[in-house]
Protein backbone atom coordinates (compact mmCIF):
# COMPACT_ATOMS: atom_id res chain seq x y z
CA UNK A 1 211.52 -69.81 100.18
CA UNK A 2 210.55 -69.29 103.91
CA UNK A 3 211.44 -66.03 103.79
CA UNK A 4 209.51 -65.54 101.02
CA UNK A 5 205.77 -66.64 101.80
CA UNK A 6 204.32 -68.13 105.21
CA UNK A 7 205.64 -71.12 107.13
CA UNK A 8 202.94 -73.14 105.96
CA UNK A 9 202.54 -72.20 102.13
CA UNK A 10 206.81 -73.15 101.82
CA UNK A 11 206.49 -76.36 103.76
CA UNK A 12 203.42 -77.07 101.14
CA UNK A 13 205.50 -76.03 98.30
CA UNK A 14 208.67 -77.86 98.92
CA UNK A 15 206.45 -81.07 99.79
CA UNK A 16 205.15 -80.69 96.32
CA UNK A 17 208.67 -80.33 94.81
CA UNK A 18 209.78 -83.54 96.57
CA UNK A 19 206.76 -85.45 95.54
CA UNK A 20 207.42 -84.87 92.04
CA UNK A 21 211.52 -85.25 92.19
CA UNK A 22 210.87 -88.54 94.15
CA UNK A 23 207.75 -90.03 91.93
CA UNK A 24 209.33 -89.02 88.88
CA UNK A 25 206.87 -86.55 88.04
CA UNK A 26 203.63 -88.48 89.04
CA UNK A 27 200.51 -86.23 88.76
CA UNK A 28 199.29 -84.27 91.90
CA UNK A 29 196.10 -86.62 93.24
CA UNK A 30 198.61 -89.30 93.83
CA UNK A 31 200.51 -87.27 96.57
CA UNK A 32 198.56 -87.88 99.36
CA UNK A 33 198.74 -91.78 99.24
CA UNK A 34 202.71 -91.44 98.55
CA UNK A 35 203.29 -89.13 101.63
CA UNK A 36 202.34 -92.02 103.81
CA UNK A 37 205.36 -93.60 103.30
CA UNK A 38 207.67 -90.56 102.51
CA UNK A 39 207.50 -88.15 105.45
CA UNK A 40 207.52 -84.06 103.97
CA UNK A 41 208.18 -81.00 105.26
CA UNK A 42 204.14 -80.32 105.42
CA UNK A 43 202.92 -82.44 108.26
CA UNK A 44 199.48 -82.86 107.03
CA UNK A 45 197.90 -84.41 104.42
CA UNK A 46 198.68 -82.48 101.21
CA UNK A 47 195.04 -83.02 99.58
CA UNK A 48 193.72 -81.44 96.45
CA UNK A 49 191.63 -79.13 98.63
CA UNK A 50 195.62 -78.19 100.03
CA UNK A 51 197.37 -77.45 97.25
CA UNK A 52 194.45 -76.31 94.80
CA UNK A 53 194.28 -73.42 97.93
CA UNK A 54 198.17 -72.95 97.83
CA UNK A 55 197.94 -72.75 93.97
CA UNK A 56 195.38 -69.58 94.38
CA UNK A 57 196.95 -68.20 97.23
CA UNK A 58 200.57 -67.93 95.99
CA UNK A 59 199.21 -66.82 92.66
CA UNK A 60 197.98 -63.89 93.99
CA UNK A 61 200.70 -63.32 96.24
CA UNK A 62 202.75 -60.85 93.73
CA UNK A 63 204.80 -59.37 96.54
CA UNK A 64 205.94 -62.94 97.81
CA UNK A 65 206.58 -64.21 94.33
CA UNK A 66 208.87 -60.68 93.24
CA UNK A 67 210.37 -61.44 96.32
CA UNK A 68 211.52 -65.32 95.99
CA UNK A 69 212.92 -64.52 92.62
CA UNK A 70 214.69 -61.45 93.56
CA UNK A 71 216.06 -63.77 96.22
CA UNK A 72 217.35 -66.60 93.32
CA UNK A 73 218.77 -63.46 91.06
CA UNK A 74 220.52 -62.06 94.06
CA UNK A 75 222.66 -65.41 94.31
CA UNK A 76 224.08 -64.74 90.55
CA UNK A 77 226.17 -62.02 91.80
CA UNK A 78 227.31 -59.10 89.62
CA UNK A 79 226.83 -59.14 85.73
CA UNK A 80 224.91 -62.62 85.33
CA UNK A 81 224.74 -64.31 82.08
CA UNK A 82 220.86 -65.33 81.44
CA UNK A 83 219.56 -67.38 78.35
CA UNK A 84 215.92 -67.22 77.79
CA UNK A 85 213.61 -68.39 75.04
CA UNK A 86 209.94 -68.41 74.39
CA UNK A 87 207.79 -71.49 73.23
CA UNK A 88 203.94 -70.45 72.27
CA UNK A 89 201.65 -73.54 73.41
CA UNK A 90 197.59 -73.82 72.47
CA UNK A 91 194.98 -73.46 75.38
CA UNK A 92 191.55 -74.42 75.42
CA UNK A 93 191.29 -72.40 78.81
CA UNK A 94 188.95 -69.55 78.89
CA UNK A 95 190.45 -68.18 82.14
CA UNK A 96 193.72 -67.19 80.87
CA UNK A 97 194.07 -63.66 80.33
CA UNK A 98 197.21 -63.82 77.91
CA UNK A 99 195.44 -66.32 75.50
CA UNK A 100 195.03 -64.98 71.91
CA UNK A 101 194.58 -65.60 68.25
CA UNK A 102 198.25 -65.58 67.36
CA UNK A 103 200.77 -67.85 65.77
CA UNK A 104 200.16 -71.13 65.99
CA UNK A 105 202.15 -74.01 64.22
CA UNK A 106 199.68 -76.82 65.53
CA UNK A 107 197.55 -75.47 63.57
CA UNK A 108 194.27 -76.58 65.57
CA UNK A 109 192.76 -73.07 65.69
CA UNK A 110 193.21 -72.62 69.39
CA UNK A 111 194.18 -69.19 71.11
CA UNK A 112 197.81 -69.28 72.27
CA UNK A 113 200.38 -68.25 75.07
CA UNK A 114 203.84 -67.59 75.06
CA UNK A 115 205.67 -69.07 77.63
CA UNK A 116 209.27 -67.40 78.33
CA UNK A 117 211.74 -69.27 80.24
CA UNK A 118 214.63 -67.28 81.81
CA UNK A 119 217.61 -69.20 83.31
CA UNK A 120 221.13 -68.68 84.39
CA UNK A 121 224.13 -70.25 81.86
CA UNK A 122 226.70 -70.43 84.36
CA UNK A 123 225.00 -71.73 87.25
CA UNK A 124 222.72 -74.18 85.15
CA UNK A 125 219.79 -73.37 86.60
CA UNK A 126 215.98 -71.68 86.05
CA UNK A 127 215.37 -68.18 87.34
CA UNK A 128 211.80 -67.61 86.26
CA UNK A 129 209.08 -67.82 83.62
CA UNK A 130 206.63 -65.56 82.56
CA UNK A 131 203.41 -65.77 80.50
CA UNK A 132 202.89 -63.31 77.33
CA UNK A 133 199.51 -62.87 75.04
CA UNK A 134 200.00 -65.33 71.98
CA UNK A 135 199.46 -62.82 69.46
CA UNK A 136 202.41 -60.31 70.45
CA UNK A 137 205.44 -60.04 67.80
CA UNK A 138 208.68 -61.27 69.34
CA UNK A 139 210.16 -57.91 69.40
CA UNK A 140 207.57 -56.92 72.01
CA UNK A 141 207.84 -60.01 74.25
CA UNK A 142 211.77 -59.11 73.99
CA UNK A 143 210.61 -55.50 75.27
CA UNK A 144 208.57 -56.91 78.18
CA UNK A 145 210.95 -59.19 78.91
CA UNK A 146 213.75 -56.54 79.73
CA UNK A 147 210.87 -54.56 81.65
CA UNK A 148 210.54 -57.57 83.44
CA UNK A 149 213.99 -57.83 83.99
CA UNK A 150 214.28 -55.13 86.21
CA UNK A 151 211.66 -56.69 88.92
CA UNK A 152 214.63 -58.80 89.62
CA UNK A 153 217.03 -56.45 90.31
CA UNK A 154 219.65 -57.70 87.78
CA UNK A 155 222.82 -55.58 87.38
CA UNK A 156 224.18 -55.44 83.86
CA UNK A 157 223.12 -59.13 82.96
CA UNK A 158 224.47 -60.48 79.59
CA UNK A 159 221.60 -61.71 77.46
CA UNK A 160 222.39 -64.46 75.31
CA UNK A 161 219.81 -66.02 72.72
CA UNK A 162 219.41 -68.23 69.73
CA UNK A 163 219.08 -67.03 66.04
CA UNK A 164 215.49 -67.84 66.52
CA UNK A 165 215.28 -63.90 68.06
CA UNK A 166 218.40 -62.60 66.19
CA UNK A 167 216.59 -59.31 63.93
CA UNK A 168 217.81 -55.73 63.48
CA UNK A 169 214.64 -54.67 65.69
CA UNK A 170 215.86 -57.07 68.36
CA UNK A 171 219.56 -55.94 68.31
CA UNK A 172 218.48 -52.35 68.26
CA UNK A 173 216.30 -52.67 71.27
CA UNK A 174 219.02 -54.53 73.15
CA UNK A 175 221.39 -51.84 72.09
CA UNK A 176 219.49 -48.58 72.98
CA UNK A 177 218.44 -49.99 76.21
CA UNK A 178 222.29 -50.54 76.79
CA UNK A 179 221.77 -54.25 77.54
CA UNK A 180 224.36 -56.82 76.57
CA UNK A 181 223.50 -59.58 74.51
CA UNK A 182 225.07 -62.50 72.50
CA UNK A 183 223.35 -63.68 69.99
CA UNK A 184 223.56 -66.50 66.89
CA UNK A 185 222.96 -64.55 63.31
CA UNK A 186 221.85 -65.90 60.13
CA UNK A 187 225.17 -66.25 58.25
CA UNK A 188 223.20 -65.88 54.85
CA UNK A 189 223.02 -61.69 55.97
CA UNK A 190 225.08 -60.15 53.68
CA UNK A 191 226.88 -57.92 56.18
CA UNK A 192 227.83 -61.20 57.96
CA UNK A 193 228.68 -63.14 54.88
CA UNK A 194 231.32 -59.69 54.26
CA UNK A 195 232.68 -60.72 57.68
CA UNK A 196 233.23 -64.09 56.88
CA UNK A 197 235.02 -63.32 54.18
CA UNK A 198 237.07 -60.65 55.91
CA UNK A 199 238.19 -63.25 58.52
CA UNK A 200 238.72 -66.49 56.24
CA UNK A 201 242.60 -66.46 56.35
CA UNK A 202 242.52 -65.81 59.50
CA UNK A 203 240.42 -68.57 60.50
CA UNK A 204 242.52 -70.77 58.13
CA UNK A 205 245.34 -70.35 60.45
CA UNK A 206 245.86 -73.16 63.22
CA UNK A 207 246.19 -70.33 65.76
CA UNK A 208 242.45 -70.23 65.31
CA UNK A 209 241.82 -73.04 66.45
CA UNK A 210 239.24 -73.42 69.29
CA UNK A 211 241.40 -74.81 72.64
CA UNK A 212 238.81 -77.21 73.84
CA UNK A 213 237.15 -78.09 70.19
CA UNK A 214 239.78 -78.76 67.57
CA UNK A 215 236.92 -79.51 65.22
CA UNK A 216 235.90 -75.70 65.48
CA UNK A 217 238.10 -72.47 64.25
CA UNK A 218 237.22 -68.69 65.09
CA UNK A 219 238.25 -65.48 64.81
CA UNK A 220 236.34 -61.93 65.73
CA UNK A 221 236.07 -58.74 64.13
CA UNK A 222 234.87 -55.62 65.75
CA UNK A 223 232.42 -53.70 63.30
CA UNK A 224 230.38 -50.36 63.60
CA UNK A 225 226.61 -51.08 62.83
CA UNK A 226 223.94 -49.00 61.71
CA UNK A 227 220.42 -49.41 63.08
CA UNK A 228 217.94 -47.37 61.62
CA UNK A 229 214.23 -46.65 63.06
CA UNK A 230 211.45 -44.15 62.89
CA UNK A 231 210.92 -42.00 66.19
CA UNK A 232 207.90 -42.51 68.21
CA UNK A 233 208.32 -39.50 70.07
CA UNK A 234 209.68 -36.25 69.92
CA UNK A 235 212.67 -35.64 71.86
CA UNK A 236 215.55 -33.41 72.06
CA UNK A 237 215.17 -31.52 69.10
CA UNK A 238 213.88 -34.74 67.06
CA UNK A 239 209.94 -35.12 66.03
CA UNK A 240 208.13 -37.87 66.23
CA UNK A 241 208.07 -39.91 62.61
CA UNK A 242 211.57 -38.86 62.18
CA UNK A 243 213.79 -41.70 60.54
CA UNK A 244 217.18 -41.61 62.46
CA UNK A 245 220.27 -43.70 62.22
CA UNK A 246 222.10 -44.94 65.68
CA UNK A 247 225.72 -46.38 65.17
CA UNK A 248 226.58 -48.92 68.16
CA UNK A 249 229.99 -51.39 68.26
CA UNK A 250 229.40 -54.88 67.26
CA UNK A 251 231.62 -57.70 68.01
CA UNK A 252 230.95 -60.64 65.10
CA UNK A 253 232.75 -63.85 65.79
CA UNK A 254 232.81 -66.40 63.35
CA UNK A 255 233.54 -69.68 63.68
CA UNK A 256 233.69 -72.80 60.78
CA UNK A 257 233.15 -76.34 61.13
CA UNK A 258 234.84 -78.83 58.64
CA UNK A 259 232.66 -81.43 59.79
CA UNK A 260 228.95 -79.15 59.60
CA UNK A 261 230.37 -77.84 56.34
CA UNK A 262 230.41 -81.66 54.71
CA UNK A 263 226.87 -82.57 56.43
CA UNK A 264 225.20 -79.11 55.22
CA UNK A 265 226.69 -80.01 51.58
CA UNK A 266 224.94 -82.83 51.45
CA UNK A 267 221.75 -81.93 52.49
CA UNK A 268 221.68 -79.26 49.97
CA UNK A 269 222.71 -81.86 47.08
CA UNK A 270 219.73 -84.14 48.26
CA UNK A 271 217.72 -81.25 48.64
CA UNK A 272 218.22 -79.72 44.82
CA UNK A 273 218.41 -83.59 43.20
CA UNK A 274 214.96 -84.29 44.77
CA UNK A 275 213.48 -80.78 43.76
CA UNK A 276 214.90 -81.37 40.17
CA UNK A 277 213.23 -84.96 40.39
CA UNK A 278 209.82 -83.54 41.18
CA UNK A 279 210.00 -80.93 38.55
CA UNK A 280 210.31 -83.39 36.11
CA UNK A 281 207.39 -85.53 37.26
CA UNK A 282 205.55 -82.43 36.65
CA UNK A 283 204.65 -81.23 39.97
CA UNK A 284 204.20 -77.51 39.70
CA UNK A 285 203.27 -76.30 43.39
CA UNK A 286 205.97 -75.71 46.01
CA UNK A 287 206.86 -74.32 49.41
CA UNK A 288 207.93 -70.73 49.42
CA UNK A 289 211.57 -71.98 51.09
CA UNK A 290 211.47 -74.69 48.00
CA UNK A 291 210.54 -72.42 45.08
CA UNK A 292 213.29 -70.08 46.25
CA UNK A 293 215.64 -72.66 45.69
CA UNK A 294 214.14 -73.79 42.76
CA UNK A 295 214.50 -70.00 41.18
CA UNK A 296 217.83 -69.42 42.53
CA UNK A 297 219.84 -72.54 41.91
CA UNK A 298 217.91 -74.71 39.04
CA UNK A 299 217.22 -73.69 35.66
CA UNK A 300 214.54 -75.00 33.53
CA UNK A 301 213.95 -74.69 29.82
CA UNK A 302 212.21 -76.49 26.60
CA UNK A 303 213.05 -76.82 23.25
CA UNK A 304 210.57 -75.43 20.71
CA UNK A 305 206.71 -75.09 21.57
CA UNK A 306 206.15 -77.99 24.16
CA UNK A 307 209.53 -79.71 23.87
CA UNK A 308 210.58 -81.88 26.69
CA UNK A 309 211.51 -79.75 29.56
CA UNK A 310 215.09 -80.02 30.89
CA UNK A 311 216.11 -79.20 34.33
CA UNK A 312 219.72 -78.27 35.25
CA UNK A 313 221.90 -76.40 37.71
CA UNK A 314 223.04 -72.99 38.13
CA UNK A 315 226.42 -73.76 38.99
CA UNK A 316 227.90 -70.17 39.50
CA UNK A 317 224.73 -69.85 42.29
CA UNK A 318 225.45 -73.26 43.84
CA UNK A 319 229.24 -72.52 43.76
CA UNK A 320 228.61 -68.64 45.65
CA UNK A 321 226.18 -70.88 48.48
CA UNK A 322 228.75 -73.46 49.17
CA UNK A 323 231.26 -70.90 49.97
CA UNK A 324 229.43 -70.20 53.27
CA UNK A 325 228.64 -73.94 54.39
CA UNK A 326 230.42 -74.68 57.72
CA UNK A 327 230.37 -71.13 59.09
CA UNK A 328 228.42 -70.04 61.88
CA UNK A 329 228.40 -66.33 63.81
CA UNK A 330 227.60 -64.92 66.70
CA UNK A 331 227.11 -61.05 67.26
CA UNK A 332 227.50 -59.35 70.66
CA UNK A 333 227.84 -55.80 71.89
CA UNK A 334 230.13 -56.91 74.65
CA UNK A 335 233.91 -57.34 74.82
CA UNK A 336 234.57 -61.36 74.65
CA UNK A 337 237.18 -63.87 73.30
CA UNK A 338 236.36 -65.41 70.22
CA UNK A 339 236.02 -68.74 72.22
CA UNK A 340 234.90 -67.65 75.36
CA UNK A 341 231.87 -66.31 73.49
CA UNK A 342 231.83 -69.65 71.99
CA UNK A 343 231.65 -71.66 75.40
CA UNK A 344 229.00 -69.12 76.50
CA UNK A 345 226.76 -70.04 73.63
CA UNK A 346 227.28 -73.63 73.84
CA UNK A 347 226.67 -73.58 77.39
CA UNK A 348 223.26 -72.34 76.76
CA UNK A 349 222.70 -74.96 74.27
CA UNK A 350 223.03 -77.67 76.53
CA UNK A 351 220.98 -75.90 79.35
CA UNK A 352 218.38 -75.57 76.25
CA UNK A 353 218.30 -79.41 75.65
CA UNK A 354 217.78 -80.13 79.40
CA UNK A 355 215.63 -77.46 80.19
CA UNK A 356 213.11 -77.15 77.34
CA UNK A 357 209.37 -75.79 77.38
CA UNK A 358 207.41 -78.60 76.32
CA UNK A 359 203.79 -78.41 74.79
CA UNK A 360 201.30 -77.91 77.93
CA UNK A 361 203.69 -78.30 80.79
CA UNK A 362 207.26 -77.39 82.20
CA UNK A 363 209.75 -79.80 82.30
CA UNK A 364 212.61 -80.17 84.87
CA UNK A 365 216.41 -79.98 84.51
CA UNK A 366 218.93 -80.14 87.41
CA UNK A 367 216.52 -81.77 90.13
CA UNK A 368 214.01 -78.58 89.47
CA UNK A 369 210.47 -78.90 89.01
CA UNK A 370 208.06 -75.74 88.25
CA UNK A 371 204.85 -75.16 90.00
CA UNK A 372 202.40 -73.43 87.57
CA UNK A 373 200.14 -70.49 88.92
CA UNK A 374 197.33 -69.02 87.38
CA UNK A 375 197.30 -65.39 88.12
CA UNK A 376 194.57 -63.48 85.87
CA UNK A 377 196.21 -60.20 86.75
CA UNK A 378 198.06 -57.98 83.91
CA UNK A 379 200.95 -57.18 85.97
CA UNK A 380 204.06 -57.87 83.52
CA UNK A 381 206.30 -58.66 86.58
CA UNK A 382 204.15 -61.77 86.70
CA UNK A 383 206.30 -65.12 87.18
CA UNK A 384 205.55 -68.83 87.97
CA UNK A 385 207.32 -70.24 90.64
CA UNK A 386 210.50 -72.43 90.93
CA UNK A 387 211.54 -75.06 93.55
CA UNK A 388 214.82 -76.61 93.88
């Protein structure tokens, strides 16, 4: 902190961090009175004018912010494992340059901002935060993130994501940039189901039991995966707009949990029974996902014109769906043991539970607090400050 900012600013930031931790997250206007009984690194009173000027000065000190986060990143060593996640927040502010009319799950009509959290899976501590426009798709957010990682001088990081970021485009973006990744994928995807079918017998063997969690079994398959894209630029004899296929090796880690299978089947049965009841009661409008289940797993018929509606089950489709209950899969372009991959992903989940981005603010985890610095510049390397 002291090598990134002036002695005075560093003392103020550390004082605010200690106050938040010691007071359980009280608001900053109470800091001045709290400081009377609690000596802090900054010896003078931390008034509203003091921390207001601090946030403004630090927000404009791009060089100091980058120096600070580069120093944090350097502590991770070689080939760090990083997890990142996005959340979209609504804002009334007219001063946030990233605020856009985009995806808004609250449906409040407000402009939104994407907040990116980047943290170390192994160290269990956050590295940085970033704001991005609320109307850009995830694939562009990931492209921006990969660009931002260069600002932290991270050498060959392994990026861990959940299935919210799984897509062919996102995987291809990682692969083409030679960025290592580990991501949870949807087991309903055809090529993932094919891998599940190929590994069923192997996973059923006792030797496939997870050594640190006997309720999980797993196995890994290496496949050559085909990515297809439309070229954006002409280069090396290939023209823009041309369709091309790119092949990359992927490791598909498949896992099976009998406990999850039982829970999934119970929820599935309840869902279909509820849909059947609603149809028989005359309901005709359903959500898109509910209608898909009705079309796939239920049968509706009438005997004669105006006859009584009969609703049954499509047992063949239901049996096929149940074959994949309890299975889940991780995909990576990095050589990794089956259960090392599982452990790494599980670590990501634990950190996400402790360090989730909440609406309107950033939570703290492992004794960490964030200072959100408003900066209206358009520099992609902008990050909020983290104090630990």
